[in-house]
Protein backbone atom coordinates (compact mmCIF):
# COMPACT_ATOMS: atom_id res chain seq x y z
CA MET A 1 -7.66 22.46 5.51
CA ASN A 2 -6.57 21.83 1.92
CA ILE A 3 -4.87 18.52 1.08
CA PHE A 4 -2.79 18.26 -2.06
CA VAL A 5 -1.52 14.82 -3.10
CA LEU A 6 1.57 14.58 -5.26
CA SER A 7 0.84 11.14 -6.69
CA GLU A 8 2.99 8.68 -8.60
CA LEU A 9 -0.17 7.10 -9.99
CA SER A 10 0.00 8.63 -13.45
CA SER A 11 -1.81 7.15 -16.43
CA LYS A 12 1.45 5.51 -17.58
CA ASN A 13 1.83 3.44 -14.43
CA ASN A 14 -0.13 0.31 -15.30
CA HIS A 15 1.77 -2.25 -13.23
CA VAL A 16 -0.49 -4.68 -11.36
CA GLY A 17 1.33 -3.75 -8.15
CA TRP A 18 -0.17 -0.26 -8.24
CA SER A 19 -3.49 -1.51 -6.84
CA VAL A 20 -2.48 -0.28 -3.39
CA SER A 21 -1.99 3.24 -4.77
CA HIS A 22 -5.40 3.19 -6.47
CA SER A 23 -6.97 2.11 -3.19
CA LEU A 24 -5.34 4.92 -1.19
CA GLU A 25 -6.12 7.52 -3.84
CA GLU A 26 -9.81 6.54 -3.91
CA THR A 27 -9.94 7.00 -0.13
CA LEU A 28 -8.13 10.34 -0.15
CA ALA A 29 -10.51 11.61 -2.81
CA SER A 30 -13.70 10.68 -0.97
CA ALA A 31 -12.67 11.08 2.68
CA CYS A 32 -10.38 14.10 2.40
CA GLN A 33 -11.49 15.84 -0.83
CA ALA A 34 -7.84 15.82 -1.83
CA GLN A 35 -6.55 17.57 -4.93
CA PHE A 36 -4.22 15.39 -6.99
CA ILE A 37 -1.10 16.40 -8.87
CA TYR A 38 0.52 13.92 -11.27
CA PRO A 39 4.14 14.77 -12.13
CA TYR A 40 5.89 12.99 -14.94
CA TRP A 41 9.50 11.83 -14.99
CA ASN A 42 11.81 13.65 -17.39
CA GLY A 43 15.10 12.11 -16.41
CA HIS A 44 15.80 10.42 -19.75
CA THR A 45 15.78 11.72 -23.29
CA SER A 46 16.66 8.60 -25.25
CA THR A 47 14.00 5.97 -25.95
CA ASN A 48 16.32 3.64 -27.89
CA LEU A 49 17.07 0.23 -26.42
CA PHE A 50 20.69 0.59 -27.50
CA PRO A 51 21.41 4.34 -27.57
CA ASP A 52 24.28 5.55 -29.70
CA ALA A 53 27.09 7.79 -28.41
CA VAL A 54 25.14 10.99 -29.07
CA ASP A 55 22.13 9.69 -27.13
CA GLN A 56 24.38 8.74 -24.21
CA GLN A 57 25.96 12.18 -24.14
CA VAL A 58 22.56 13.86 -24.19
CA SER A 59 21.34 11.58 -21.42
CA PHE A 60 24.40 12.39 -19.29
CA LEU A 61 23.95 16.14 -19.82
CA ASN A 62 20.27 15.84 -19.01
CA HIS A 63 21.15 13.97 -15.80
CA CYS A 64 23.56 16.75 -14.79
CA ARG A 65 20.97 19.41 -15.55
CA ASN A 66 18.35 17.62 -13.46
CA ARG A 67 20.69 17.44 -10.47
CA LEU A 68 21.70 21.07 -10.79
CA LEU A 69 18.20 22.46 -11.29
CA LYS A 70 16.33 19.81 -9.29
CA SER A 71 14.21 19.14 -12.37
CA TRP A 72 13.81 15.36 -12.31
CA TYR A 73 10.03 15.68 -12.60
CA THR A 74 7.67 18.16 -14.24
CA VAL A 75 4.10 19.22 -13.51
CA GLU A 76 1.97 21.00 -16.07
CA VAL A 77 0.46 23.50 -13.63
CA TRP A 78 1.52 24.46 -10.12
CA PRO A 79 -1.23 24.07 -7.50
CA GLU A 80 -3.04 27.10 -6.15
CA LEU A 81 -3.02 27.09 -2.36
CA GLY A 82 -6.19 28.13 -0.57
CA PRO A 83 -7.02 29.77 2.78
CA GLY A 84 -6.32 27.78 5.93
CA LEU A 85 -3.80 24.97 6.27
CA ASN A 86 -2.28 23.67 3.04
CA ILE A 87 -0.93 20.14 3.40
CA LEU A 88 1.23 18.36 0.83
CA LEU A 89 1.15 14.55 0.85
CA VAL A 90 3.71 12.92 -1.45
CA VAL A 91 2.63 9.32 -2.14
CA GLY A 92 4.89 7.01 -4.10
CA ILE A 93 6.09 3.46 -4.25
CA ARG A 94 9.80 4.02 -3.60
CA PRO A 95 12.07 6.92 -2.54
CA LYS A 96 12.90 8.23 -6.04
CA PHE A 97 9.44 9.70 -6.33
CA LEU A 98 10.13 12.09 -3.44
CA LEU A 99 12.23 14.05 -5.94
CA SER A 100 8.97 15.08 -7.61
CA MET A 101 8.45 17.68 -4.86
CA PHE A 102 10.89 19.97 -6.60
CA ALA A 103 8.62 20.12 -9.65
CA LEU A 104 6.39 22.40 -7.56
CA GLY A 105 9.00 25.17 -7.68
CA PRO A 106 8.52 27.99 -5.15
CA VAL A 107 5.09 26.63 -4.19
CA LEU A 108 6.81 23.77 -2.34
CA ASP A 109 7.98 26.06 0.45
CA GLN A 110 4.54 27.64 0.80
CA PHE A 111 2.91 24.49 2.18
CA ASP A 112 2.30 24.47 5.91
CA LEU A 113 3.22 20.79 6.18
CA ARG A 114 4.97 18.39 3.81
CA ILE A 115 4.46 14.65 4.41
CA GLY A 116 5.84 11.70 2.45
CA TYR A 117 4.44 8.16 2.36
CA LEU A 118 6.26 5.31 0.59
CA LEU A 119 4.16 2.21 -0.07
CA ASP A 120 6.80 -0.44 -0.72
CA GLY A 121 10.08 -1.77 0.60
CA PHE A 122 13.41 -0.17 -0.33
CA ASP A 123 17.07 0.03 0.67
CA PRO A 124 17.52 3.19 2.77
CA ARG A 125 21.19 3.41 1.81
CA TYR A 126 20.23 4.73 -1.61
CA MET A 127 17.74 7.41 -0.66
CA ASN A 128 18.16 10.86 -2.19
CA GLN A 129 19.08 13.47 0.44
CA PRO A 130 17.62 16.66 -1.19
CA PRO A 131 13.90 15.78 -0.84
CA LEU A 132 14.36 14.55 2.74
CA THR A 133 15.38 18.05 3.82
CA LYS A 134 12.04 19.35 2.54
CA LEU A 135 9.88 16.80 4.35
CA ASP A 136 8.42 17.48 7.77
CA HIS A 137 7.62 13.80 8.20
CA LEU A 138 8.04 10.56 6.27
CA PHE A 139 5.93 7.42 6.70
CA VAL A 140 7.06 3.94 5.60
CA ILE A 141 5.40 0.51 5.77
CA SER A 142 7.85 -1.19 8.16
CA ASN A 143 8.79 -0.19 11.69
CA GLN A 144 12.27 -1.64 11.26
CA LEU A 145 12.68 0.29 8.02
CA ALA A 146 11.63 3.47 9.83
CA ASP A 147 14.36 2.86 12.42
CA GLU A 148 16.98 2.42 9.70
CA VAL A 149 15.96 5.57 7.82
CA ARG A 150 15.89 7.55 11.09
CA SER A 151 19.41 6.43 11.97
CA ARG A 152 20.81 7.44 8.57
CA TYR A 153 19.08 10.72 7.82
CA SER A 154 17.94 13.82 9.61
CA VAL A 155 14.23 13.28 9.03
CA ASN A 156 11.23 12.48 11.21
CA VAL A 157 10.07 9.04 10.09
CA SER A 158 7.38 6.69 11.38
CA TRP A 159 5.77 3.40 10.53
CA LEU A 160 2.30 3.52 8.96
CA PRO A 161 0.99 0.10 7.83
CA LEU A 162 -0.72 -0.29 4.50
CA GLY A 163 -4.51 -0.11 4.39
CA ILE A 164 -7.31 -0.84 1.96
CA ASN A 165 -10.49 0.90 0.84
CA THR A 166 -12.95 -1.66 2.19
CA LEU A 167 -15.98 0.37 1.08
CA ALA A 168 -15.01 -0.43 -2.52
CA TRP A 169 -15.29 -4.17 -1.82
CA GLY A 170 -18.99 -4.18 -1.03
CA ASN A 171 -20.85 -6.48 1.34
CA TYR A 172 -19.90 -9.95 2.47
CA SER A 173 -20.80 -12.50 -0.20
CA THR A 174 -21.19 -16.25 -0.69
CA PRO A 175 -21.03 -18.80 -2.25
CA ARG A 176 -17.42 -19.20 -3.38
CA SER A 177 -16.73 -21.20 -6.52
CA ILE A 178 -12.91 -20.87 -6.65
CA ASP A 179 -11.20 -23.21 -4.20
CA ILE A 180 -7.71 -21.69 -4.14
CA MET A 181 -6.42 -18.47 -5.68
CA GLY A 182 -2.80 -17.45 -6.14
CA TYR A 183 -1.56 -14.45 -8.09
CA GLY A 184 1.50 -12.34 -8.71
CA ARG A 185 4.54 -13.25 -6.62
CA MET A 186 4.12 -16.92 -5.69
CA ASN A 187 5.97 -19.72 -3.94
CA GLU A 188 7.02 -21.77 -6.95
CA ALA A 189 7.39 -24.99 -4.96
CA VAL A 190 3.81 -24.70 -3.73
CA HIS A 191 2.54 -23.81 -7.21
CA SER A 192 4.29 -26.83 -8.74
CA GLN A 193 2.23 -29.10 -6.48
CA LEU A 194 -1.12 -27.30 -6.67
CA GLN A 195 -1.32 -26.91 -10.44
CA PRO A 196 -1.16 -30.61 -11.41
CA HIS A 197 -3.20 -31.76 -8.42
CA PHE A 198 -6.18 -29.37 -8.55
CA ASN A 199 -6.39 -28.47 -12.22
CA GLN A 200 -6.72 -31.89 -13.79
CA ALA A 201 -9.75 -32.09 -16.06
CA ASP A 202 -11.48 -34.76 -13.97
CA ARG A 203 -11.23 -32.92 -10.64
CA ASP A 204 -14.03 -30.81 -9.22
CA ARG A 205 -11.71 -28.41 -7.40
CA ILE A 206 -10.01 -25.47 -9.10
CA TYR A 207 -6.77 -23.64 -8.37
CA PHE A 208 -6.86 -20.24 -10.09
CA HIS A 209 -3.48 -18.60 -10.71
CA SER A 210 -1.73 -16.09 -12.94
CA THR A 211 -0.64 -17.49 -16.28
CA PHE A 212 0.90 -14.30 -17.69
CA THR A 213 4.49 -13.12 -17.30
CA CYS A 214 4.05 -9.40 -18.05
CA THR A 215 3.19 -7.32 -14.96
CA GLY A 216 1.48 -4.56 -16.92
CA VAL A 217 -2.26 -4.44 -17.58
CA ALA A 218 -4.18 -2.62 -20.29
CA ASN A 219 -6.57 -0.99 -17.82
CA PRO A 220 -5.65 -0.97 -14.10
CA LYS A 221 -9.18 -0.11 -12.96
CA GLU A 222 -10.63 -3.01 -14.93
CA HIS A 223 -7.94 -5.27 -13.47
CA ILE A 224 -8.80 -4.20 -9.91
CA ALA A 225 -12.54 -4.69 -10.50
CA LEU A 226 -11.91 -8.20 -11.82
CA GLN A 227 -9.50 -8.97 -8.97
CA ILE A 228 -12.16 -8.04 -6.43
CA LYS A 229 -14.68 -10.32 -8.11
CA LEU A 230 -12.24 -13.24 -8.22
CA LEU A 231 -11.13 -12.87 -4.61
CA LYS A 232 -14.70 -12.58 -3.32
CA ARG A 233 -15.40 -15.93 -5.01
CA SER A 234 -12.29 -17.62 -3.58
CA LYS A 235 -12.30 -19.81 -0.51
CA ILE A 236 -8.52 -19.68 -0.01
CA ASN A 237 -6.02 -17.01 -1.04
CA LEU A 238 -2.28 -17.81 -1.03
CA CYS A 239 0.03 -15.24 0.59
CA PHE A 240 3.75 -15.59 1.36
CA GLU A 241 5.92 -13.24 3.41
CA ALA A 242 8.47 -11.23 1.43
CA SER A 243 11.76 -11.07 3.39
CA ASN A 244 13.56 -12.94 0.58
CA ILE A 245 12.59 -10.31 -2.00
CA PRO A 246 15.63 -8.00 -2.54
CA ARG A 247 13.77 -4.69 -2.25
CA PHE A 248 12.54 -5.57 1.25
CA CYS A 249 16.13 -5.99 2.51
CA GLY A 250 15.18 -8.75 4.93
CA HIS A 251 12.13 -6.94 6.31
CA SER A 252 8.81 -8.76 6.37
CA PRO A 253 5.97 -6.20 6.62
CA LEU A 254 2.23 -6.61 6.17
CA LEU A 255 1.64 -6.42 2.42
CA TYR A 256 -1.40 -5.42 0.39
CA ARG A 257 -2.24 -8.97 -0.73
CA TRP A 258 -3.21 -9.82 2.86
CA LEU A 259 -5.57 -6.86 2.95
CA GLU A 260 -7.13 -7.85 -0.38
CA GLY A 261 -7.72 -11.39 0.86
CA TRP A 262 -9.18 -10.28 4.19
CA ALA A 263 -11.38 -7.63 2.56
CA ALA A 264 -12.77 -10.29 0.23
CA GLY A 265 -13.47 -12.71 3.06
CA SER A 266 -10.96 -15.29 1.84
CA ALA A 267 -9.05 -17.59 4.15
CA ILE A 268 -5.33 -16.81 3.92
CA VAL A 269 -2.90 -19.72 3.60
CA GLY A 270 0.87 -19.40 3.27
CA THR A 271 3.52 -17.86 5.53
CA LYS A 272 2.93 -14.94 7.91
CA PRO A 273 4.85 -11.65 7.77
CA ARG A 274 7.65 -11.81 10.35
CA ASP A 275 8.27 -8.19 11.37
CA PRO A 276 7.60 -7.99 15.13
CA GLU A 277 5.01 -5.21 14.89
CA VAL A 278 2.88 -7.16 12.40
CA ALA A 279 1.68 -9.67 14.99
CA ALA A 280 -0.63 -7.09 16.61
CA LEU A 281 -2.15 -6.28 13.21
CA MET A 282 -3.30 -9.84 12.57
CA ASP A 283 -3.83 -11.31 16.03
CA TRP A 284 -7.31 -12.79 15.52
CA PRO A 285 -7.65 -16.58 15.17
CA ASN A 286 -6.64 -18.03 11.80
CA SER A 287 -5.83 -14.67 10.21
CA THR A 288 -3.18 -16.63 8.29
CA LEU A 289 -2.96 -20.42 8.22
CA GLU A 290 0.67 -21.51 7.90
CA LEU A 291 1.42 -24.25 5.42
CA PRO A 292 3.09 -27.31 6.98
CA ALA A 293 6.87 -27.38 6.94
CA LYS A 294 6.98 -30.62 4.95
CA PRO A 295 6.03 -30.28 1.24
CA GLU A 296 4.42 -33.71 1.19
CA GLU A 297 1.84 -32.38 3.69
CA TRP A 298 0.72 -29.37 1.61
CA ILE A 299 -1.92 -31.08 -0.52
CA PRO A 300 -3.46 -33.07 2.38
CA PHE A 301 -3.54 -29.87 4.48
CA LEU A 302 -5.39 -27.93 1.77
CA GLU A 303 -7.77 -30.78 0.98
CA THR A 304 -8.67 -31.13 4.67
CA LEU A 305 -9.27 -27.40 4.96
CA LEU A 306 -11.46 -27.31 1.85
CA ASP A 307 -13.48 -30.24 3.20
CA ASP A 308 -14.17 -28.36 6.47
CA GLU A 309 -16.79 -25.95 5.13
CA ALA A 310 -17.86 -24.78 8.59
CA LYS A 311 -14.31 -23.77 9.53
CA LEU A 312 -13.77 -22.00 6.21
CA ALA A 313 -17.02 -20.06 6.64
CA GLU A 314 -16.01 -18.98 10.14
CA ILE A 315 -12.56 -17.84 9.00
CA SER A 316 -14.04 -16.09 5.98
CA HIS A 317 -16.49 -13.96 7.91
CA ARG A 318 -13.97 -13.17 10.65
CA ASN A 319 -11.37 -11.97 8.12
CA TYR A 320 -13.98 -9.82 6.37
CA ARG A 321 -15.06 -8.22 9.64
CA GLU A 322 -11.59 -7.70 11.12
CA CYS A 323 -10.33 -6.05 7.94
CA ARG A 324 -13.10 -3.47 8.12
CA LEU A 325 -12.51 -2.86 11.83
CA ARG A 326 -8.72 -2.61 11.63
CA HIS A 327 -7.31 -2.07 8.19
CA ASP A 328 -9.36 0.41 6.20
CA TRP A 329 -7.30 3.31 4.89
CA ARG A 330 -9.54 5.64 6.88
CA TYR A 331 -8.07 4.34 10.13
CA ARG A 332 -4.57 4.97 8.80
CA LEU A 333 -5.51 8.51 7.78
CA ARG A 334 -7.15 9.10 11.14
CA ASP A 335 -3.91 8.06 12.85
CA LEU A 336 -1.84 10.26 10.54
CA PHE A 337 -3.98 13.35 11.19
CA THR A 338 -3.94 12.69 14.94
CA MET A 339 -0.19 12.24 15.04
CA MET A 340 0.43 15.40 13.02
CA HIS A 341 -2.04 17.39 15.17
CA LEU A 342 -4.23 18.13 12.18
CA PRO A 343 -8.02 18.58 12.19
CA MET A 344 -10.05 15.54 11.19
CA PRO A 345 -11.90 16.00 7.88
CA GLN A 346 -15.65 15.72 8.37
CA ALA A 347 -16.01 13.38 5.41
CA LEU A 348 -13.43 11.05 6.98
CA GLU A 349 -15.45 10.84 10.19
CA GLN A 350 -18.61 10.19 8.20
CA GLU A 351 -17.05 7.35 6.23
CA LEU A 352 -15.66 5.75 9.39
CA ALA A 353 -19.22 5.80 10.72
CA GLU A 354 -20.41 4.25 7.45
CA ILE A 355 -18.04 1.31 7.92
CA ARG A 356 -19.46 0.71 11.38
CA GLN A 357 -23.00 0.91 10.10
CA CYS A 358 -22.25 -1.65 7.38
CA LEU A 359 -21.15 -4.04 10.12
CA GLY A 360 -24.15 -3.25 12.30
CA LEU A 361 -22.00 -1.79 15.09
CA SER A 362 -22.97 0.86 17.61
CA GLU A 363 -20.79 3.88 18.31
CA LYS A 364 -19.72 2.33 21.65
CA VAL A 365 -17.81 -0.54 20.05
CA GLN A 366 -14.09 0.14 19.77
CA ASP A 367 -12.54 -0.18 16.33
CA GLY A 368 -9.41 0.57 14.36
CA PRO A 369 -6.38 0.24 16.71
CA ARG A 370 -4.27 3.40 16.64
CA VAL A 371 -0.98 1.89 15.57
CA LEU A 372 0.92 5.18 15.62
CA GLU A 373 0.56 5.50 19.38
CA GLU A 374 2.80 2.47 19.80
CA ILE A 375 5.88 3.97 18.11
CA PRO A 376 8.28 6.74 19.24
CA GLN A 377 6.59 10.13 19.37
CA PRO A 378 7.58 12.58 16.63
CA VAL A 379 8.91 16.10 17.04
CA GLU A 380 6.17 18.46 18.22
CA VAL A 381 4.27 20.20 15.45
CA HIS A 382 5.45 23.68 16.39
CA GLU A 383 9.00 22.57 15.56
CA PHE A 384 8.15 21.73 11.98
CA GLN A 385 9.55 24.39 9.71
CA GLY A 386 6.49 24.48 7.47
CA LEU A 387 4.16 25.41 10.32
CA ARG A 388 6.17 28.14 11.99
CA SER A 389 4.51 30.92 10.04
CA ARG A 390 0.96 29.87 10.98
CA TYR A 391 1.21 28.33 14.46
């Protein structure tokens, strides 16, 4: 079986939010020996902030040409398919990237199976229809979102929660010198209390948080390596559910920041994701500690938690362990291959065993709940257009 990944993770994408894509790509490379293809967007010709009339005309003509020829994206070299099953996995943040499939030209129709996976929230009303007709199956990060896409478009769609490459995070570590860590999207009301309380010069505690406004980083891999170090030294990591963020359209799925915190062995404090299916993904004790409803209770709550070192240590180790037993990307890939009736890569099985060995578990201990068994069953494989010629 040959796995080709059409990835949105090009060298130009240096947003801090792309950490989830780096994590998945690392896992696909090691566990599936995937071959990666990085298309680049060619939908715009003008680079001026205020384009003149000629630039606007050229941009309009270019837009029309892209729609007519399906040439939104370009790849330098088409992939060479090998013997056996050839699987295309299109991995992007939001639906626009699915248009990149057409950059593969006639090779697109030669794949035995074409699977999409979108790693962020989006409004299904604005999805592009052409790439959906080419997909045999689409995975999204919210079960409710999957239901909405299924009701609007003729496409097989399922929920596949985000995962994390726990092998990249190393062994459990102590001690932890950062009391509270918050980064990226934050609850501003909480931040406005924590910053003046914990970061006064005469206080022993420290609240580490982002002080930059630009979301781009000079080197994403260096950023991720530093983020891992900081989180593994943090006692508490702040995480807040995202239903109020426009792109999630009221959905509240499990997001990558929870997986980062759990993988690091941090205690998570904030507000839990509210989508119904998420509860089963984080049902161990204290997987997320909810902040009190009253703002005047936030600081006392955090101070009491920080004082209870035994409780923090228990939560820390439990989060670390549960993340490796439930949320590694390898479990998600195992579920995907099982659902699509595909053979399991040997390297994937070996790395799943490695996770168990790192935790000192025997082969008899159950791990990694198969989340895809709990959702509506997809169309049988023999009905997928891409497999008709080989099955």
